[in-house]
């Protein structure tokens, strides 16, 4: 009997135990992949899975290996996972119909694309598109977890007359002539199922291919369990971090309120008195203006210490993966209405490749906001231009903000990120010294130059995520 319980017929003249064109156990053609090729494939997949941090990426990696021409060469493959009492469609790879298959394969051939070459740089957005492409098929493949799965211990090839309803259902949904079913069990319960077929080419499925596919499926299970655990730990860490940030912000708000109420009251009250009854004697005006200035200076000092404190706290926060291009674009879009109002051209350049850095998201966002706000202040009087660009420099991700505004004053130019907590060009608020403090707290660094005539360039460099 074959592994799936369906009867098989052995060709005449085939003696039991003989190794030939057919497998006595399953009635399938017996051809093994060259050991070196399979080993190379497993090494490639293993190296890619070591870097995977999400279950979707792990699933995509193995399904690509199953379907790539330089892999096992199936026309398409699907992964179903046991979730909430169902075997639920999780991810699919490959064409949806024969016309799409010919277009896809012709495009791969024309551009000389080898799918396995892309395993080391998975594109989460592309994986999301692939999931959406197969959403209807994945939903149709989903079934209540069949009890029959408990009796499946090895992979098998099934046909339309298979005795088990769930297998016949999958064959009907996929319109498959011969469907490879690879069951994955957790104890006696189904953990998942991998399905693969050659619905276009109708190429035979050899025993060696089944064994290789089964090995990849078990590697996939281990990778998904690992990445699922990593995701849970990461989510828990983020929840813990969010709780810490909430507590920190509450304490900061209370401290800031206590520190600012008195100086604001004094400065505001004095200003209102002057507005209501300006003194006739100019000699009386100067002391009152000085009082206002002194209290504003106290406010600036409190804000400066607050910024330094936030930077030092950020130093104790765990770094997370931040996509620098997305961050830059998000901040630029936030400032765009203000730039339009001030007649300043604001553009953002980000590479097609994701630039992932290790950072505290809130602190990194403050850094970008500071640079863009500074540039807007510098350019507002001359209708200038601001360019925000994200690039890679070896082990660093670089975000630079270049503007056509005036350069720093000579005194500040000697140490642009030292000493003063105020912004450049005479404005006040979160400034260059706090920018450096935040960047260094995340293991990064800052830079400034005026080497290109007519442009002032500030940059924040953060370590690449690994």
Protein backbone atom coordinates (compact mmCIF):
# COMPACT_ATOMS: atom_id res chain seq x y z
CA UNK A 1 0.00 0.00 0.00
CA UNK A 2 1.27 3.52 -0.68
CA UNK A 3 1.79 6.08 2.08
CA UNK A 4 -1.53 7.81 1.46
CA UNK A 5 -3.54 4.57 1.69
CA UNK A 6 -4.53 4.42 -2.02
CA UNK A 7 -3.87 1.15 -3.92
CA UNK A 8 -0.99 1.12 -6.38
CA UNK A 9 -0.02 -1.14 -9.27
CA UNK A 10 3.49 -2.50 -9.73
CA UNK A 11 4.72 -2.92 -13.32
CA UNK A 12 5.11 -6.48 -14.49
CA UNK A 13 8.54 -7.96 -14.12
CA UNK A 14 9.52 -5.60 -11.31
CA UNK A 15 11.00 -7.66 -8.50
CA UNK A 16 10.53 -6.52 -4.89
CA UNK A 17 13.60 -4.70 -3.62
CA UNK A 18 14.95 -3.90 -7.08
CA UNK A 19 15.98 -0.28 -7.70
CA UNK A 20 14.75 0.80 -11.10
CA UNK A 21 12.43 3.19 -12.85
CA UNK A 22 9.62 2.80 -10.29
CA UNK A 23 9.31 2.85 -6.53
CA UNK A 24 7.76 -0.36 -5.16
CA UNK A 25 6.35 1.52 -2.20
CA UNK A 26 4.42 4.28 -3.95
CA UNK A 27 4.30 3.52 -7.65
CA UNK A 28 6.14 6.81 -8.33
CA UNK A 29 9.14 7.30 -10.61
CA UNK A 30 12.29 6.94 -8.54
CA UNK A 31 14.91 9.58 -9.29
CA UNK A 32 17.03 11.25 -6.68
CA UNK A 33 18.38 14.76 -6.89
CA UNK A 34 22.13 15.00 -7.09
CA UNK A 35 23.33 15.16 -3.46
CA UNK A 36 25.50 18.24 -4.07
CA UNK A 37 22.63 20.17 -5.61
CA UNK A 38 20.28 19.35 -2.73
CA UNK A 39 22.98 20.22 -0.20
CA UNK A 40 23.58 23.58 -1.90
CA UNK A 41 19.85 24.26 -1.84
CA UNK A 42 19.58 23.43 1.87
CA UNK A 43 22.59 25.62 2.67
CA UNK A 44 21.10 28.55 0.73
CA UNK A 45 17.73 28.16 2.42
CA UNK A 46 19.32 27.69 5.84
CA UNK A 47 21.41 30.84 5.53
CA UNK A 48 18.34 32.83 4.54
CA UNK A 49 16.22 31.43 7.36
CA UNK A 50 18.89 32.36 9.91
CA UNK A 51 18.20 36.01 9.10
CA UNK A 52 14.41 35.66 8.97
CA UNK A 53 12.60 37.33 11.86
CA UNK A 54 8.99 36.93 10.66
CA UNK A 55 7.00 33.75 9.93
CA UNK A 56 5.90 35.19 6.56
CA UNK A 57 9.52 35.61 5.45
CA UNK A 58 10.38 32.07 6.58
CA UNK A 59 7.41 30.62 4.68
CA UNK A 60 8.20 32.64 1.55
CA UNK A 61 11.83 31.49 1.62
CA UNK A 62 10.98 27.78 1.61
CA UNK A 63 8.10 28.07 -0.87
CA UNK A 64 10.42 29.89 -3.28
CA UNK A 65 12.93 27.05 -2.89
CA UNK A 66 10.17 24.56 -3.72
CA UNK A 67 9.06 26.42 -6.86
CA UNK A 68 12.29 27.96 -8.24
CA UNK A 69 13.71 26.31 -11.33
CA UNK A 70 17.12 26.04 -9.67
CA UNK A 71 15.31 24.66 -6.59
CA UNK A 72 12.85 21.77 -6.71
CA UNK A 73 10.98 23.24 -9.68
CA UNK A 74 7.33 22.80 -8.69
CA UNK A 75 4.92 25.06 -10.57
CA UNK A 76 3.36 26.35 -7.34
CA UNK A 77 3.31 25.64 -3.60
CA UNK A 78 1.09 26.52 -0.64
CA UNK A 79 1.45 26.43 3.14
CA UNK A 80 -1.51 25.78 5.44
CA UNK A 81 -1.14 26.20 9.21
CA UNK A 82 -3.29 24.78 12.01
CA UNK A 83 -4.88 27.82 13.64
CA UNK A 84 -7.99 27.96 15.83
CA UNK A 85 -9.25 24.52 14.83
CA UNK A 86 -8.60 25.00 11.10
CA UNK A 87 -5.94 24.18 8.56
CA UNK A 88 -5.79 27.76 7.33
CA UNK A 89 -4.19 28.97 4.10
CA UNK A 90 -1.12 31.00 5.12
CA UNK A 91 0.94 31.73 1.99
CA UNK A 92 1.16 30.69 -1.65
CA UNK A 93 3.86 31.05 -4.30
CA UNK A 94 3.54 30.62 -8.06
CA UNK A 95 1.18 31.49 -10.91
CA UNK A 96 -2.58 31.31 -10.49
CA UNK A 97 -3.37 29.96 -13.96
CA UNK A 98 -1.62 28.66 -17.05
CA UNK A 99 -1.59 31.99 -18.92
CA UNK A 100 -0.05 33.74 -15.96
CA UNK A 101 2.49 30.92 -15.66
CA UNK A 102 3.75 31.35 -19.22
CA UNK A 103 3.99 35.14 -18.81
CA UNK A 104 5.84 34.79 -15.51
CA UNK A 105 8.32 32.20 -16.74
CA UNK A 106 8.98 34.13 -19.95
CA UNK A 107 9.68 37.26 -17.92
CA UNK A 108 12.06 35.40 -15.58
CA UNK A 109 13.86 33.91 -18.57
CA UNK A 110 14.07 37.19 -20.48
CA UNK A 111 15.53 39.08 -17.52
CA UNK A 112 17.68 36.11 -16.44
CA UNK A 113 16.23 36.22 -12.94
CA UNK A 114 17.12 33.41 -10.55
CA UNK A 115 14.52 33.43 -7.73
CA UNK A 116 16.92 31.82 -5.25
CA UNK A 117 19.25 34.82 -5.60
CA UNK A 118 16.57 36.96 -3.93
CA UNK A 119 16.33 34.86 -0.77
CA UNK A 120 19.01 36.89 1.02
CA UNK A 121 17.07 40.16 0.55
CA UNK A 122 13.37 39.34 1.11
CA UNK A 123 10.96 42.16 0.36
CA UNK A 124 8.13 42.23 2.96
CA UNK A 125 6.01 44.38 0.65
CA UNK A 126 6.47 41.86 -2.16
CA UNK A 127 5.54 39.01 0.17
CA UNK A 128 2.38 40.92 1.11
CA UNK A 129 1.51 41.29 -2.58
CA UNK A 130 2.03 37.56 -3.10
CA UNK A 131 -0.24 36.78 -0.17
CA UNK A 132 -2.92 39.07 -1.62
CA UNK A 133 -2.60 37.50 -5.09
CA UNK A 134 -3.41 34.08 -3.67
CA UNK A 135 -5.92 35.26 -1.03
CA UNK A 136 -8.93 33.65 -2.74
CA UNK A 137 -7.10 30.33 -3.25
CA UNK A 138 -5.79 30.30 0.33
CA UNK A 139 -9.32 30.90 1.64
CA UNK A 140 -10.69 28.09 -0.53
CA UNK A 141 -7.97 25.67 0.68
CA UNK A 142 -8.80 26.37 4.34
CA UNK A 143 -10.57 23.49 6.10
CA UNK A 144 -11.47 22.41 9.59
CA UNK A 145 -8.41 20.45 10.77
CA UNK A 146 -9.11 16.93 9.47
CA UNK A 147 -8.63 14.04 11.84
CA UNK A 148 -7.15 12.05 8.99
CA UNK A 149 -4.00 14.18 9.26
CA UNK A 150 -3.09 12.26 12.40
CA UNK A 151 -2.59 9.12 10.33
CA UNK A 152 -0.29 10.83 7.82
CA UNK A 153 3.33 10.28 8.76
CA UNK A 154 5.08 10.88 5.46
CA UNK A 155 4.60 12.92 2.31
CA UNK A 156 2.56 11.41 -0.52
CA UNK A 157 1.27 12.22 -4.00
CA UNK A 158 -2.53 12.24 -4.28
CA UNK A 159 -4.89 12.06 -7.26
CA UNK A 160 -8.55 12.87 -7.86
CA UNK A 161 -9.72 9.47 -6.54
CA UNK A 162 -8.00 9.86 -3.18
CA UNK A 163 -10.08 8.27 -0.39
CA UNK A 164 -9.87 11.22 2.04
CA UNK A 165 -12.32 14.14 1.48
CA UNK A 166 -9.90 16.88 2.56
CA UNK A 167 -7.31 15.80 -0.01
CA UNK A 168 -9.95 15.55 -2.74
CA UNK A 169 -11.07 19.07 -1.78
CA UNK A 170 -7.55 20.47 -2.19
CA UNK A 171 -7.17 18.72 -5.53
CA UNK A 172 -10.48 20.18 -6.71
CA UNK A 173 -9.63 23.72 -5.57
CA UNK A 174 -6.24 23.59 -7.29
CA UNK A 175 -7.47 21.62 -10.32
CA UNK A 176 -4.43 19.44 -9.82
CA UNK A 177 -3.69 16.15 -11.60
CA UNK A 178 -1.13 15.05 -9.02
CA UNK A 179 -0.78 16.90 -5.70
CA UNK A 180 2.15 16.50 -3.32
CA UNK A 181 0.89 16.60 0.27
CA UNK A 182 3.47 17.04 3.04
CA UNK A 183 1.85 16.73 6.48
CA UNK A 184 3.51 18.33 9.50
CA UNK A 185 2.40 17.07 12.91
CA UNK A 186 2.81 18.35 16.45
CA UNK A 187 2.52 15.20 18.52
CA UNK A 188 -0.65 13.58 17.21
CA UNK A 189 -2.20 16.86 16.08
CA UNK A 190 -1.82 18.57 12.70
CA UNK A 191 0.61 21.50 12.75
CA UNK A 192 0.42 22.34 9.07
CA UNK A 193 0.43 21.04 5.50
CA UNK A 194 2.54 21.94 2.46
CA UNK A 195 0.91 21.42 -0.94
CA UNK A 196 2.76 21.53 -4.27
CA UNK A 197 2.04 20.45 -7.83
CA UNK A 198 2.93 20.86 -11.50
CA UNK A 199 -0.46 21.98 -12.78
CA UNK A 200 0.97 23.53 -15.97
CA UNK A 201 3.90 21.36 -17.01
CA UNK A 202 2.42 18.09 -15.66
CA UNK A 203 6.00 17.08 -14.88
CA UNK A 204 6.25 13.83 -12.89
CA UNK A 205 7.00 14.04 -9.18
CA UNK A 206 9.96 11.79 -8.40
CA UNK A 207 10.67 10.08 -5.11
CA UNK A 208 13.88 12.08 -4.74
CA UNK A 209 11.92 15.30 -5.17
CA UNK A 210 9.42 14.19 -2.51
CA UNK A 211 12.20 13.46 -0.04
CA UNK A 212 13.86 16.82 -0.72
CA UNK A 213 10.53 18.68 -0.41
CA UNK A 214 9.78 16.90 2.86
CA UNK A 215 13.17 17.97 4.23
CA UNK A 216 12.48 21.59 3.28
CA UNK A 217 9.02 21.42 4.86
CA UNK A 218 10.45 20.28 8.20
CA UNK A 219 13.09 23.01 8.01
CA UNK A 220 10.22 25.44 7.40
CA UNK A 221 8.35 24.26 10.46
CA UNK A 222 11.39 24.82 12.68
CA UNK A 223 11.92 28.29 11.18
CA UNK A 224 8.29 29.34 11.65
CA UNK A 225 8.26 28.16 15.26
CA UNK A 226 11.46 30.14 15.90
CA UNK A 227 10.28 33.30 14.13
CA UNK A 228 6.85 33.12 15.79
CA UNK A 229 8.59 33.02 19.17
CA UNK A 230 10.78 35.96 18.15
CA UNK A 231 7.69 37.90 17.09
CA UNK A 232 5.96 37.22 20.40
CA UNK A 233 9.05 38.28 22.33
CA UNK A 234 9.39 41.41 20.18
CA UNK A 235 5.71 42.32 20.67
CA UNK A 236 6.05 41.79 24.41
CA UNK A 237 9.18 43.94 24.47
CA UNK A 238 7.38 46.69 22.58
CA UNK A 239 4.43 46.54 24.99
CA UNK A 240 6.83 46.76 27.90
CA UNK A 241 8.68 49.61 26.21
CA UNK A 242 5.42 51.45 25.53
CA UNK A 243 4.45 51.13 29.20
CA UNK A 244 7.85 52.50 30.24
CA UNK A 245 7.51 55.37 27.79
CA UNK A 246 4.03 56.19 29.09
CA UNK A 247 5.33 56.30 32.64
CA UNK A 248 8.32 58.39 31.56
CA UNK A 249 6.14 60.83 29.62
CA UNK A 250 3.76 61.23 32.56
CA UNK A 251 6.65 61.98 34.92
CA UNK A 252 8.15 64.34 32.33
CA UNK A 253 4.86 66.15 31.86
CA UNK A 254 4.49 66.68 35.60
CA UNK A 255 8.07 67.87 35.94
CA UNK A 256 7.75 70.19 32.95
CA UNK A 257 4.50 71.63 34.27
CA UNK A 258 6.06 72.39 37.66
CA UNK A 259 9.16 73.89 36.05
CA UNK A 260 7.36 76.10 33.53
CA UNK A 261 4.29 77.38 35.35
CA UNK A 262 6.04 80.08 37.37
CA UNK A 263 8.30 81.53 34.63
CA UNK A 264 5.40 81.50 32.15
CA UNK A 265 3.12 83.22 34.66
CA UNK A 266 5.69 85.90 35.40
CA UNK A 267 6.58 86.53 31.76
CA UNK A 268 2.96 86.45 30.61
CA UNK A 269 1.70 88.66 33.39
CA UNK A 270 4.42 91.24 32.82
CA UNK A 271 3.72 91.26 29.07
CA UNK A 272 -0.01 91.75 29.66
CA UNK A 273 0.64 94.63 32.07
CA UNK A 274 2.85 96.32 29.51
CA UNK A 275 0.27 95.85 26.78
CA UNK A 276 -2.53 97.25 28.98
CA UNK A 277 -0.59 100.24 30.33
CA UNK A 278 2.69 101.01 28.55
CA UNK A 279 4.95 103.12 30.83
CA UNK A 280 5.48 106.67 29.75
CA UNK A 281 9.04 106.66 30.99
CA UNK A 282 11.34 104.46 28.82
CA UNK A 283 13.50 103.84 31.87
CA UNK A 284 10.63 101.87 33.41
CA UNK A 285 10.23 99.73 30.27
CA UNK A 286 13.73 98.19 30.26
CA UNK A 287 13.49 96.37 33.65
CA UNK A 288 10.16 94.84 32.73
CA UNK A 289 11.41 93.62 29.36
CA UNK A 290 14.46 92.19 31.11
CA UNK A 291 12.17 90.34 33.52
CA UNK A 292 10.34 88.78 30.57
CA UNK A 293 13.63 87.84 28.89
CA UNK A 294 15.00 86.26 32.09
CA UNK A 295 11.93 84.07 32.54
CA UNK A 296 11.99 82.99 28.87
CA UNK A 297 15.64 82.05 29.38
CA UNK A 298 14.59 79.92 32.37
CA UNK A 299 12.01 78.19 30.20
CA UNK A 300 14.64 77.48 27.52
CA UNK A 301 16.95 76.08 30.17
CA UNK A 302 14.25 73.73 31.47
CA UNK A 303 13.43 72.54 27.95
CA UNK A 304 17.13 71.99 27.28
CA UNK A 305 17.55 69.84 30.38
CA UNK A 306 14.40 67.94 29.43
CA UNK A 307 15.85 67.17 25.98
CA UNK A 308 19.12 65.94 27.52
CA UNK A 309 17.19 63.77 29.95
CA UNK A 310 15.14 62.24 27.15
CA UNK A 311 18.36 61.51 25.26
CA UNK A 312 19.96 59.78 28.24
CA UNK A 313 16.82 57.71 28.80
CA UNK A 314 16.79 56.75 25.15
CA UNK A 315 20.28 55.37 25.68
CA UNK A 316 18.84 52.79 28.06
CA UNK A 317 16.02 51.80 25.69
CA UNK A 318 16.48 48.72 23.48
CA UNK A 319 17.10 49.49 19.82
CA UNK A 320 14.49 48.38 17.34
CA UNK A 321 14.53 47.95 13.58
CA UNK A 322 13.61 51.24 11.90
CA UNK A 323 13.22 51.71 8.14
CA UNK A 324 14.94 55.07 7.63
CA UNK A 325 13.34 55.86 4.27
CA UNK A 326 9.82 55.40 5.59
CA UNK A 327 10.65 57.50 8.65
CA UNK A 328 12.06 60.34 6.53
CA UNK A 329 9.07 60.33 4.18
CA UNK A 330 6.63 60.35 7.08
CA UNK A 331 8.28 63.40 8.69
CA UNK A 332 8.57 65.24 5.36
CA UNK A 333 4.85 64.75 4.67
CA UNK A 334 4.12 66.16 8.12
CA UNK A 335 6.08 69.35 7.33
CA UNK A 336 4.95 69.70 3.69
CA UNK A 337 1.89 71.96 4.35
CA UNK A 338 4.07 74.35 6.36
CA UNK A 339 6.72 74.35 3.63
CA UNK A 340 4.11 75.17 0.98
CA UNK A 341 2.77 78.00 3.09
CA UNK A 342 6.28 79.44 3.41
CA UNK A 343 6.99 78.90 -0.31
CA UNK A 344 9.83 76.46 0.43
CA UNK A 345 10.38 73.50 -1.89
CA UNK A 346 10.62 70.34 0.24
CA UNK A 347 11.59 67.03 -1.41
CA UNK A 348 12.49 63.59 -0.09
CA UNK A 349 14.75 61.08 -1.81
CA UNK A 350 14.75 57.47 -0.60
CA UNK A 351 16.30 54.42 -2.28
CA UNK A 352 14.20 51.56 -3.61
CA UNK A 353 16.11 49.25 -1.29
CA UNK A 354 15.08 49.40 2.36
CA UNK A 355 17.61 51.09 4.65
CA UNK A 356 17.09 49.44 8.05
CA UNK A 357 18.83 50.93 11.09
CA UNK A 358 18.96 50.18 14.81
CA UNK A 359 17.28 53.03 16.66
CA UNK A 360 14.70 54.11 19.18
CA UNK A 361 11.80 55.04 16.87
CA UNK A 362 10.66 58.07 18.87
CA UNK A 363 14.19 59.46 19.22
CA UNK A 364 14.99 58.90 15.53
CA UNK A 365 11.82 60.72 14.56
CA UNK A 366 12.74 63.66 16.81
CA UNK A 367 16.13 63.89 15.09
CA UNK A 368 14.59 64.10 11.62
CA UNK A 369 11.97 66.60 12.80
CA UNK A 370 14.70 68.80 14.28
CA UNK A 371 16.72 68.92 11.06
CA UNK A 372 13.69 69.63 8.85
CA UNK A 373 12.35 72.28 11.25
CA UNK A 374 15.78 73.97 11.34
CA UNK A 375 15.95 74.01 7.57
CA UNK A 376 12.47 75.54 7.29
CA UNK A 377 13.44 78.32 9.68
CA UNK A 378 16.55 79.03 7.60
CA UNK A 379 14.77 79.05 4.25
CA UNK A 380 11.50 80.80 5.03
CA UNK A 381 12.70 84.33 4.19
CA UNK A 382 14.18 83.49 0.78
CA UNK A 383 11.78 80.83 -0.56
CA UNK A 384 14.57 78.26 -0.63
CA UNK A 385 14.77 74.52 -1.11
CA UNK A 386 15.17 71.62 1.31
CA UNK A 387 16.27 68.14 0.25
CA UNK A 388 15.94 65.16 2.58
CA UNK A 389 17.87 62.10 1.39
CA UNK A 390 18.42 58.58 2.76
CA UNK A 391 21.50 56.60 1.70
CA UNK A 392 23.73 53.76 2.88
CA UNK A 393 27.37 54.16 3.86
CA UNK A 394 28.91 50.80 4.75
CA UNK A 395 27.67 49.87 8.22
CA UNK A 396 25.69 53.10 8.51
CA UNK A 397 22.34 54.38 7.33
CA UNK A 398 22.62 58.11 6.56
CA UNK A 399 19.83 60.67 6.65
CA UNK A 400 20.86 64.11 5.48
CA UNK A 401 18.96 67.38 5.24
CA UNK A 402 20.37 69.92 2.80
CA UNK A 403 19.00 73.45 2.45
CA UNK A 404 19.75 76.69 0.63
CA UNK A 405 19.48 78.82 3.75
CA UNK A 406 22.33 80.85 5.28
CA UNK A 407 25.16 78.94 6.98
CA UNK A 408 25.73 78.87 10.70
CA UNK A 409 27.16 81.91 12.42
CA UNK A 410 30.95 81.83 12.62
CA UNK A 411 30.98 81.19 16.38
CA UNK A 412 28.54 78.28 16.19
CA UNK A 413 30.25 76.84 13.09
CA UNK A 414 33.33 75.91 15.12
CA UNK A 415 31.28 73.51 17.29
CA UNK A 416 27.80 73.25 15.75
CA UNK A 417 26.59 70.47 18.06
CA UNK A 418 28.17 71.62 21.30
CA UNK A 419 27.07 73.82 24.15
CA UNK A 420 23.86 75.60 23.21
CA UNK A 421 20.53 73.84 23.29
CA UNK A 422 18.92 76.34 20.89
CA UNK A 423 18.34 75.77 17.21
CA UNK A 424 20.50 77.48 14.59
CA UNK A 425 19.73 80.80 12.93
CA UNK A 426 18.42 82.43 16.08
CA UNK A 427 15.40 80.23 16.82
CA UNK A 428 14.83 78.46 20.11
CA UNK A 429 13.70 74.94 21.01
CA UNK A 430 15.05 71.43 20.55
CA UNK A 431 18.39 72.14 18.89
CA UNK A 432 21.69 70.87 17.64
CA UNK A 433 23.21 69.82 20.96
CA UNK A 434 20.13 67.75 21.82
CA UNK A 435 20.19 66.35 18.28
CA UNK A 436 23.70 65.05 18.89
CA UNK A 437 22.71 63.69 22.31
CA UNK A 438 19.79 61.74 20.84
CA UNK A 439 21.85 60.37 17.95
CA UNK A 440 24.73 59.29 20.19
CA UNK A 441 22.29 57.71 22.64
CA UNK A 442 21.24 55.41 19.78
CA UNK A 443 24.86 54.61 18.89
CA UNK A 444 24.86 57.07 15.99
CA UNK A 445 26.61 60.31 15.09
CA UNK A 446 25.93 63.67 13.45
CA UNK A 447 27.66 65.78 10.82
CA UNK A 448 27.69 69.27 9.29
CA UNK A 449 29.37 70.78 6.24
CA UNK A 450 29.16 73.67 3.77
CA UNK A 451 31.52 72.27 1.14
CA UNK A 452 28.96 72.67 -1.65
CA UNK A 453 28.44 76.32 -2.50
CA UNK A 454 24.96 77.55 -1.66
CA UNK A 455 23.98 74.52 0.38
CA UNK A 456 24.12 73.74 4.10
CA UNK A 457 24.20 70.05 4.98
CA UNK A 458 23.32 68.32 8.26
CA UNK A 459 23.31 64.53 8.66
CA UNK A 460 22.43 61.84 11.17
CA UNK A 461 24.11 58.43 10.80
CA UNK A 462 22.69 55.35 12.53
CA UNK A 463 24.01 51.81 12.64
CA UNK A 464 22.58 49.39 10.08
CA UNK A 465 20.21 46.81 11.55
CA UNK A 466 21.62 43.28 11.70
